């Protein structure tokens, strides 16, 4: 056999994506104004849409205090991080942000990373090896799954939310280090992991528990301290926790917070930390301002949860199929990829931006519209969206009936 052609391989993959309606499309945003955006359509024409697919849950990404902090720091310190933290890239602004995050979450120490994906790689690769096991929820974020695979450890995945299943998998491997890793709030379903039960399973099996709370910190728990705080767990029970800075906090980057010895181990051993450029100090300054707002302005979470309740009430009245989520992530289930794409396109025609989520991001037959709510939205915005969703569903169902008749 001759050497395989990479062109043939990517052409075959492209053809398969087209056949099953799974081509992903990049959309260029030309302007943001609160929850409203201007987006280029397929012809390059700008369209003004009300955004219901952003992770800017608290509406901080454009807050004047956050933007001012970014501008002021950039004018003094420049645009870049200039080097890795351990060379000369660790700035006093990074230090201040790490201390603020640790204080907010009640942790001994925090460590900044360029992204949540990099942070998860760092944690699992520096703590796990060939003789170890990582037990994970089946619906964990892709970065946790990839990190376990790249660490070389044995990866075992339990049914979604099944703490008994997690305990059973840990019992099957009694040698080496064990880690129990889970999302706090699941990014596609919007539900919260049973953290108290999982923490008990981890304690019984002497496993290190790690919670990726990317979609929880800032939104759930007392003072927005996340799903771990909501479950009333300490950092003795959950020694490491991931915080992303680009969702509820509106910026970019991530931090791992937790046990001081574990954090120092990451500093000394985590390749994604050692061998990458630090975040720009100006970005750290902006996030520091955002953290202070998230800590002090509880009204943002109050408004957000009022909108969540309003959306769920109106969606139920309209007969929309939702998952049992009490977070800003509100999946509207569509089933087939074709129906999800049809509904998303209809919504855009009516002025709403809601992305269709399809496999492999979600399981087969579980395509959906991932509606996300923000403190920037109003009751009127939600009412309009629900009305448009109902009309989009009816249109998609009519299209499906016609397609069935033509078979």
Protein backbone atom coordinates (compact mmCIF):
# COMPACT_ATOMS: atom_id res chain seq x y z
CA UNK A 1 0.00 0.00 0.00
CA UNK A 2 1.18 3.50 -0.81
CA UNK A 3 1.20 6.46 1.56
CA UNK A 4 -2.27 7.85 2.23
CA UNK A 5 -3.10 11.26 0.80
CA UNK A 6 -3.97 13.96 3.31
CA UNK A 7 -5.96 15.73 0.60
CA UNK A 8 -8.09 12.63 0.06
CA UNK A 9 -8.60 12.29 3.79
CA UNK A 10 -9.83 15.83 4.36
CA UNK A 11 -11.96 15.69 1.19
CA UNK A 12 -13.67 12.54 2.47
CA UNK A 13 -14.23 14.13 5.87
CA UNK A 14 -15.68 17.23 4.23
CA UNK A 15 -18.01 15.16 2.05
CA UNK A 16 -19.26 13.25 5.08
CA UNK A 17 -19.96 16.48 6.98
CA UNK A 18 -22.00 17.80 4.05
CA UNK A 19 -23.98 14.56 3.76
CA UNK A 20 -25.07 14.58 7.42
CA UNK A 21 -25.61 18.38 7.68
CA UNK A 22 -22.69 18.92 10.05
CA UNK A 23 -20.69 21.64 8.33
CA UNK A 24 -19.68 24.32 10.83
CA UNK A 25 -19.70 27.95 9.70
CA UNK A 26 -17.64 30.88 10.94
CA UNK A 27 -19.63 34.09 11.37
CA UNK A 28 -17.89 37.46 11.58
CA UNK A 29 -19.27 39.89 14.17
CA UNK A 30 -18.71 43.47 13.02
CA UNK A 31 -20.13 45.25 16.07
CA UNK A 32 -21.46 44.49 19.57
CA UNK A 33 -23.84 46.71 21.50
CA UNK A 34 -25.02 45.01 24.68
CA UNK A 35 -27.01 41.94 23.70
CA UNK A 36 -27.33 43.16 20.12
CA UNK A 37 -24.78 42.34 17.47
CA UNK A 38 -24.12 43.05 13.83
CA UNK A 39 -23.12 39.88 11.97
CA UNK A 40 -22.14 39.24 8.37
CA UNK A 41 -24.43 36.78 6.55
CA UNK A 42 -23.34 34.34 3.82
CA UNK A 43 -23.31 37.15 1.24
CA UNK A 44 -21.20 39.46 3.43
CA UNK A 45 -24.18 41.67 4.26
CA UNK A 46 -24.38 42.94 7.86
CA UNK A 47 -27.43 41.75 9.82
CA UNK A 48 -28.51 43.14 13.19
CA UNK A 49 -29.46 40.33 15.56
CA UNK A 50 -30.43 39.91 19.19
CA UNK A 51 -27.81 37.52 20.58
CA UNK A 52 -29.04 34.49 22.53
CA UNK A 53 -25.92 32.31 22.16
CA UNK A 54 -23.27 34.26 24.08
CA UNK A 55 -21.67 33.12 27.35
CA UNK A 56 -21.54 36.73 28.63
CA UNK A 57 -24.00 35.77 31.37
CA UNK A 58 -23.53 38.81 33.61
CA UNK A 59 -23.13 41.29 30.76
CA UNK A 60 -19.64 42.36 31.86
CA UNK A 61 -17.72 42.11 28.57
CA UNK A 62 -18.63 45.68 27.59
CA UNK A 63 -19.03 47.20 31.05
CA UNK A 64 -17.41 50.63 31.15
CA UNK A 65 -15.32 49.82 34.25
CA UNK A 66 -13.96 46.65 32.63
CA UNK A 67 -13.19 48.36 29.32
CA UNK A 68 -11.62 51.34 31.09
CA UNK A 69 -9.36 49.06 33.11
CA UNK A 70 -8.24 47.34 29.90
CA UNK A 71 -7.52 50.64 28.16
CA UNK A 72 -5.71 52.21 31.09
CA UNK A 73 -3.50 49.18 31.67
CA UNK A 74 -2.72 48.82 27.96
CA UNK A 75 -1.67 52.47 27.77
CA UNK A 76 0.79 51.91 30.63
CA UNK A 77 1.96 48.32 30.12
CA UNK A 78 1.46 47.61 26.42
CA UNK A 79 -0.53 45.03 24.49
CA UNK A 80 1.25 41.75 25.22
CA UNK A 81 2.50 39.47 27.97
CA UNK A 82 5.98 39.44 26.33
CA UNK A 83 7.11 36.06 27.78
CA UNK A 84 6.04 33.08 29.84
CA UNK A 85 5.26 33.66 33.52
CA UNK A 86 8.47 31.96 34.68
CA UNK A 87 10.73 33.99 32.38
CA UNK A 88 9.65 37.62 32.67
CA UNK A 89 5.95 37.60 31.80
CA UNK A 90 4.49 37.44 35.32
CA UNK A 91 3.20 40.95 36.01
CA UNK A 92 1.96 42.50 39.24
CA UNK A 93 -1.47 42.68 37.58
CA UNK A 94 -1.45 38.89 37.17
CA UNK A 95 -0.53 38.60 40.84
CA UNK A 96 -3.39 40.90 41.87
CA UNK A 97 -5.92 38.96 39.79
CA UNK A 98 -4.79 35.60 41.19
CA UNK A 99 -5.11 36.91 44.76
CA UNK A 100 -8.58 38.34 44.06
CA UNK A 101 -9.81 35.07 42.56
CA UNK A 102 -8.43 33.03 45.46
CA UNK A 103 -10.02 35.38 47.99
CA UNK A 104 -13.39 35.32 46.19
CA UNK A 105 -13.53 31.54 46.03
CA UNK A 106 -12.02 30.95 49.46
CA UNK A 107 -9.01 29.09 48.08
CA UNK A 108 -5.39 29.18 49.26
CA UNK A 109 -4.03 30.05 45.81
CA UNK A 110 -4.90 30.65 42.14
CA UNK A 111 -2.88 30.28 38.93
CA UNK A 112 -3.64 31.96 35.60
CA UNK A 113 -3.72 30.20 32.21
CA UNK A 114 -4.31 31.33 28.65
CA UNK A 115 -7.55 29.34 28.32
CA UNK A 116 -9.69 26.76 30.05
CA UNK A 117 -8.53 24.13 27.56
CA UNK A 118 -4.89 24.81 28.47
CA UNK A 119 -5.71 24.76 32.19
CA UNK A 120 -7.35 21.35 31.96
CA UNK A 121 -4.41 20.00 29.98
CA UNK A 122 -2.06 21.38 32.61
CA UNK A 123 -3.88 19.83 35.57
CA UNK A 124 -4.31 16.34 34.16
CA UNK A 125 -0.95 16.06 32.40
CA UNK A 126 1.02 17.22 35.43
CA UNK A 127 -0.83 15.03 37.95
CA UNK A 128 -1.61 11.81 36.06
CA UNK A 129 0.48 9.19 34.26
CA UNK A 130 0.32 5.72 32.75
CA UNK A 131 -0.46 3.91 36.00
CA UNK A 132 -3.24 6.29 37.06
CA UNK A 133 -6.96 6.56 36.40
CA UNK A 134 -9.22 9.52 35.62
CA UNK A 135 -12.96 8.95 36.07
CA UNK A 136 -15.14 11.45 34.23
CA UNK A 137 -18.78 12.26 33.53
CA UNK A 138 -19.76 11.17 30.03
CA UNK A 139 -20.86 14.73 29.17
CA UNK A 140 -17.70 16.47 30.37
CA UNK A 141 -16.19 19.19 28.22
CA UNK A 142 -13.92 17.99 25.41
CA UNK A 143 -10.88 19.58 27.06
CA UNK A 144 -11.17 17.29 30.09
CA UNK A 145 -11.50 14.22 27.88
CA UNK A 146 -8.57 15.22 25.65
CA UNK A 147 -6.43 16.10 28.67
CA UNK A 148 -6.95 12.64 30.16
CA UNK A 149 -6.09 10.95 26.88
CA UNK A 150 -2.95 13.02 26.42
CA UNK A 151 -1.81 12.35 29.99
CA UNK A 152 -1.60 8.63 29.20
CA UNK A 153 -3.79 7.64 32.16
CA UNK A 154 -6.70 5.22 32.01
CA UNK A 155 -9.82 7.22 31.15
CA UNK A 156 -13.13 5.83 32.39
CA UNK A 157 -16.44 7.62 31.79
CA UNK A 158 -19.56 7.12 33.90
CA UNK A 159 -23.19 7.80 32.86
CA UNK A 160 -24.13 11.45 33.14
CA UNK A 161 -24.63 12.55 36.74
CA UNK A 162 -24.25 9.02 38.10
CA UNK A 163 -22.17 9.23 41.29
CA UNK A 164 -22.68 5.51 41.94
CA UNK A 165 -21.25 4.78 38.51
CA UNK A 166 -18.26 6.99 39.29
CA UNK A 167 -17.64 5.10 42.53
CA UNK A 168 -17.88 1.74 40.74
CA UNK A 169 -15.31 2.77 38.11
CA UNK A 170 -12.85 3.99 40.74
CA UNK A 171 -13.18 0.71 42.63
CA UNK A 172 -12.14 -1.20 39.50
CA UNK A 173 -8.66 0.36 39.62
CA UNK A 174 -6.99 0.32 43.03
CA UNK A 175 -3.42 1.11 41.94
CA UNK A 176 -1.94 4.50 41.14
CA UNK A 177 -3.41 7.96 41.61
CA UNK A 178 -7.15 8.38 41.01
CA UNK A 179 -8.81 11.60 39.88
CA UNK A 180 -12.55 12.28 39.66
CA UNK A 181 -13.13 15.10 37.17
CA UNK A 182 -16.46 16.68 36.31
CA UNK A 183 -17.97 19.83 34.90
CA UNK A 184 -19.77 21.86 37.55
CA UNK A 185 -22.40 23.21 35.15
CA UNK A 186 -22.61 21.22 31.92
CA UNK A 187 -22.13 23.46 28.91
CA UNK A 188 -24.64 21.85 26.56
CA UNK A 189 -27.34 20.62 28.99
CA UNK A 190 -27.13 23.42 31.56
CA UNK A 191 -27.62 21.11 34.54
CA UNK A 192 -25.41 20.97 37.64
CA UNK A 193 -23.32 17.94 38.64
CA UNK A 194 -24.25 16.14 41.89
CA UNK A 195 -21.11 17.44 43.53
CA UNK A 196 -21.81 16.40 47.11
CA UNK A 197 -22.36 12.78 46.10
CA UNK A 198 -19.32 12.83 43.83
CA UNK A 199 -17.17 14.35 46.57
CA UNK A 200 -18.19 11.54 48.90
CA UNK A 201 -17.29 8.94 46.26
CA UNK A 202 -13.91 10.62 45.75
CA UNK A 203 -13.21 10.67 49.50
CA UNK A 204 -14.10 6.99 49.90
CA UNK A 205 -11.72 6.09 47.08
CA UNK A 206 -8.96 8.53 48.14
CA UNK A 207 -9.28 10.24 44.76
CA UNK A 208 -8.45 13.85 43.92
CA UNK A 209 -11.64 15.68 42.90
CA UNK A 210 -11.36 18.33 40.17
CA UNK A 211 -14.30 20.48 39.09
CA UNK A 212 -14.31 22.42 35.82
CA UNK A 213 -16.69 25.23 36.81
CA UNK A 214 -16.39 27.24 33.61
CA UNK A 215 -20.13 27.90 33.41
CA UNK A 216 -20.76 28.05 37.16
CA UNK A 217 -18.43 30.68 38.65
CA UNK A 218 -20.03 34.11 38.51
CA UNK A 219 -23.50 32.65 38.01
CA UNK A 220 -24.39 30.08 40.69
CA UNK A 221 -23.67 29.84 44.39
CA UNK A 222 -23.41 32.52 47.10
CA UNK A 223 -21.85 35.73 45.70
CA UNK A 224 -21.50 33.85 42.41
CA UNK A 225 -18.74 31.63 43.82
CA UNK A 226 -19.81 28.70 41.66
CA UNK A 227 -21.23 25.22 41.89
CA UNK A 228 -18.67 24.01 44.46
CA UNK A 229 -19.73 26.77 46.87
CA UNK A 230 -23.39 26.11 46.04
CA UNK A 231 -22.85 22.48 47.10
CA UNK A 232 -21.23 23.74 50.34
CA UNK A 233 -17.99 21.90 49.63
CA UNK A 234 -14.60 23.05 50.88
CA UNK A 235 -11.24 22.99 49.13
CA UNK A 236 -10.28 20.08 51.33
CA UNK A 237 -13.09 18.15 49.58
CA UNK A 238 -12.50 19.66 46.12
CA UNK A 239 -8.78 20.54 46.06
CA UNK A 240 -8.79 21.98 42.53
CA UNK A 241 -11.33 23.99 40.59
CA UNK A 242 -11.23 25.60 37.13
CA UNK A 243 -12.49 29.15 36.59
CA UNK A 244 -12.74 30.53 33.08
CA UNK A 245 -12.46 34.27 32.65
CA UNK A 246 -14.21 34.49 29.28
CA UNK A 247 -17.77 33.54 30.22
CA UNK A 248 -19.58 35.17 33.16
CA UNK A 249 -16.53 37.42 33.71
CA UNK A 250 -16.59 38.61 30.10
CA UNK A 251 -12.85 38.51 29.36
CA UNK A 252 -10.38 35.85 28.29
CA UNK A 253 -8.24 33.19 29.94
CA UNK A 254 -8.69 30.88 32.90
CA UNK A 255 -7.41 30.10 36.37
CA UNK A 256 -7.01 27.00 38.48
CA UNK A 257 -7.74 27.65 42.15
CA UNK A 258 -7.19 25.39 45.12
CA UNK A 259 -4.66 23.65 47.33
CA UNK A 260 -1.38 25.57 47.55
CA UNK A 261 0.82 22.49 47.13
CA UNK A 262 -1.09 21.41 44.04
CA UNK A 263 -0.87 24.88 42.52
CA UNK A 264 2.89 25.02 43.16
CA UNK A 265 3.18 21.60 41.49
CA UNK A 266 1.51 23.08 38.40
CA UNK A 267 3.93 26.01 38.39
CA UNK A 268 6.88 23.63 38.43
CA UNK A 269 5.58 20.88 36.13
CA UNK A 270 2.64 21.91 33.93
CA UNK A 271 3.91 22.26 30.37
CA UNK A 272 0.93 24.40 29.20
CA UNK A 273 1.92 26.88 31.93
CA UNK A 274 5.70 26.75 31.62
CA UNK A 275 5.91 26.91 27.83
CA UNK A 276 3.41 29.59 26.86
CA UNK A 277 3.24 33.37 26.93
CA UNK A 278 1.43 35.00 29.84
CA UNK A 279 -1.87 36.77 29.37
CA UNK A 280 -1.46 40.48 28.57
CA UNK A 281 -1.39 42.48 31.82
CA UNK A 282 -4.15 44.68 30.40
CA UNK A 283 -6.40 41.64 30.06
CA UNK A 284 -5.68 40.74 33.67
CA UNK A 285 -6.58 44.29 34.72
CA UNK A 286 -9.89 44.06 32.87
CA UNK A 287 -10.72 40.71 34.46
CA UNK A 288 -9.81 42.04 37.91
CA UNK A 289 -12.38 44.80 37.42
CA UNK A 290 -14.92 42.22 36.25
CA UNK A 291 -14.33 39.99 39.28
CA UNK A 292 -14.95 42.90 41.63
CA UNK A 293 -18.22 43.66 39.85
CA UNK A 294 -19.28 40.00 39.89
CA UNK A 295 -18.58 39.82 43.62
CA UNK A 296 -20.43 42.99 44.56
CA UNK A 297 -23.35 43.31 42.14
CA UNK A 298 -25.72 40.52 43.15
CA UNK A 299 -28.50 42.24 41.23
CA UNK A 300 -27.00 40.90 38.01
CA UNK A 301 -27.53 37.31 39.16
CA UNK A 302 -30.97 38.23 40.49
CA UNK A 303 -32.02 39.63 37.13
CA UNK A 304 -30.50 36.67 35.31
CA UNK A 305 -32.43 34.13 37.37
CA UNK A 306 -35.62 36.12 36.93
CA UNK A 307 -35.10 35.90 33.17
CA UNK A 308 -34.41 32.15 33.40
CA UNK A 309 -37.69 31.56 35.23
CA UNK A 310 -39.56 33.77 32.77
CA UNK A 311 -38.10 31.96 29.77
CA UNK A 312 -38.95 28.52 31.15
CA UNK A 313 -42.52 29.58 31.96
CA UNK A 314 -43.12 31.05 28.50
CA UNK A 315 -41.39 28.13 26.75
CA UNK A 316 -43.59 25.63 28.61
CA UNK A 317 -46.69 27.57 27.55
CA UNK A 318 -45.48 27.45 23.94
CA UNK A 319 -44.94 23.67 24.12
CA UNK A 320 -41.18 23.86 23.57
CA UNK A 321 -39.14 20.87 24.78
CA UNK A 322 -36.52 21.98 27.31
CA UNK A 323 -34.01 20.12 29.44
CA UNK A 324 -34.25 20.46 33.26
CA UNK A 325 -31.80 23.36 33.59
CA UNK A 326 -31.99 26.20 36.12
CA UNK A 327 -28.90 27.95 34.76
CA UNK A 328 -28.54 30.50 31.91
CA UNK A 329 -27.98 27.57 29.50
CA UNK A 330 -31.45 26.59 28.24
CA UNK A 331 -31.34 23.90 25.54
CA UNK A 332 -34.38 23.73 23.25
CA UNK A 333 -34.43 20.15 22.00
CA UNK A 334 -34.87 19.58 18.27
CA UNK A 335 -33.84 15.94 17.77
CA UNK A 336 -32.55 15.90 14.23
CA UNK A 337 -29.73 17.99 12.84
CA UNK A 338 -31.95 19.15 9.98
CA UNK A 339 -34.64 20.45 12.32
CA UNK A 340 -32.11 22.30 14.49
CA UNK A 341 -30.57 23.98 11.44
CA UNK A 342 -33.99 24.91 10.07
CA UNK A 343 -35.08 26.48 13.36
CA UNK A 344 -31.82 28.39 13.74
CA UNK A 345 -32.16 29.80 10.21
CA UNK A 346 -35.78 30.83 10.81
CA UNK A 347 -34.82 32.56 14.05
CA UNK A 348 -32.12 34.51 12.25
CA UNK A 349 -34.64 35.67 9.66
CA UNK A 350 -36.69 37.02 12.56
CA UNK A 351 -33.72 38.81 14.11
CA UNK A 352 -32.50 36.29 16.72
CA UNK A 353 -29.10 34.59 16.85
CA UNK A 354 -29.29 31.09 18.38
CA UNK A 355 -26.77 28.53 17.19
CA UNK A 356 -27.76 24.96 16.29
CA UNK A 357 -25.71 22.45 18.29
CA UNK A 358 -25.22 19.08 16.58
CA UNK A 359 -23.24 15.88 17.07
CA UNK A 360 -20.46 15.22 17.90
CA UNK A 361 -20.78 18.14 20.33
CA UNK A 362 -23.94 16.46 21.66
CA UNK A 363 -25.06 12.81 21.36
CA UNK A 364 -26.70 11.45 18.21
CA UNK A 365 -30.38 12.37 17.98
CA UNK A 366 -29.96 15.13 20.58
CA UNK A 367 -29.44 18.19 18.34
CA UNK A 368 -30.66 21.38 19.93
CA UNK A 369 -30.76 25.13 20.00
CA UNK A 370 -28.54 26.26 22.87
CA UNK A 371 -30.32 29.36 24.16
CA UNK A 372 -28.21 31.33 26.63
CA UNK A 373 -29.56 34.17 28.73
CA UNK A 374 -27.73 37.26 29.94
CA UNK A 375 -28.38 40.03 32.42
CA UNK A 376 -28.35 42.24 29.32
CA UNK A 377 -31.66 40.77 28.12
CA UNK A 378 -35.14 42.00 29.05
CA UNK A 379 -38.49 40.26 29.54
CA UNK A 380 -39.54 41.68 26.18
CA UNK A 381 -36.49 40.14 24.51
CA UNK A 382 -37.37 36.75 26.01
CA UNK A 383 -41.04 37.03 24.98
CA UNK A 384 -40.02 37.80 21.41
CA UNK A 385 -37.58 34.90 21.34
CA UNK A 386 -40.13 32.38 22.62
CA UNK A 387 -42.66 33.52 20.02
CA UNK A 388 -40.02 33.16 17.29
CA UNK A 389 -39.03 29.73 18.60
CA UNK A 390 -42.62 28.53 18.40
CA UNK A 391 -42.93 29.75 14.82
CA UNK A 392 -39.57 28.22 13.89
CA UNK A 393 -40.63 24.87 15.36
CA UNK A 394 -43.91 24.91 13.44
CA UNK A 395 -42.11 25.70 10.20
CA UNK A 396 -39.53 22.93 10.78
CA UNK A 397 -42.31 20.42 11.48
CA UNK A 398 -44.12 21.42 8.27
CA UNK A 399 -40.89 21.00 6.29
CA UNK A 400 -40.37 17.57 7.83
CA UNK A 401 -43.89 16.47 6.83
CA UNK A 402 -43.34 17.60 3.24
CA UNK A 403 -39.98 15.81 3.07
CA UNK A 404 -41.62 12.61 4.38
CA UNK A 405 -44.34 12.77 1.71
CA UNK A 406 -41.76 13.21 -1.03
CA UNK A 407 -39.80 10.08 -0.04
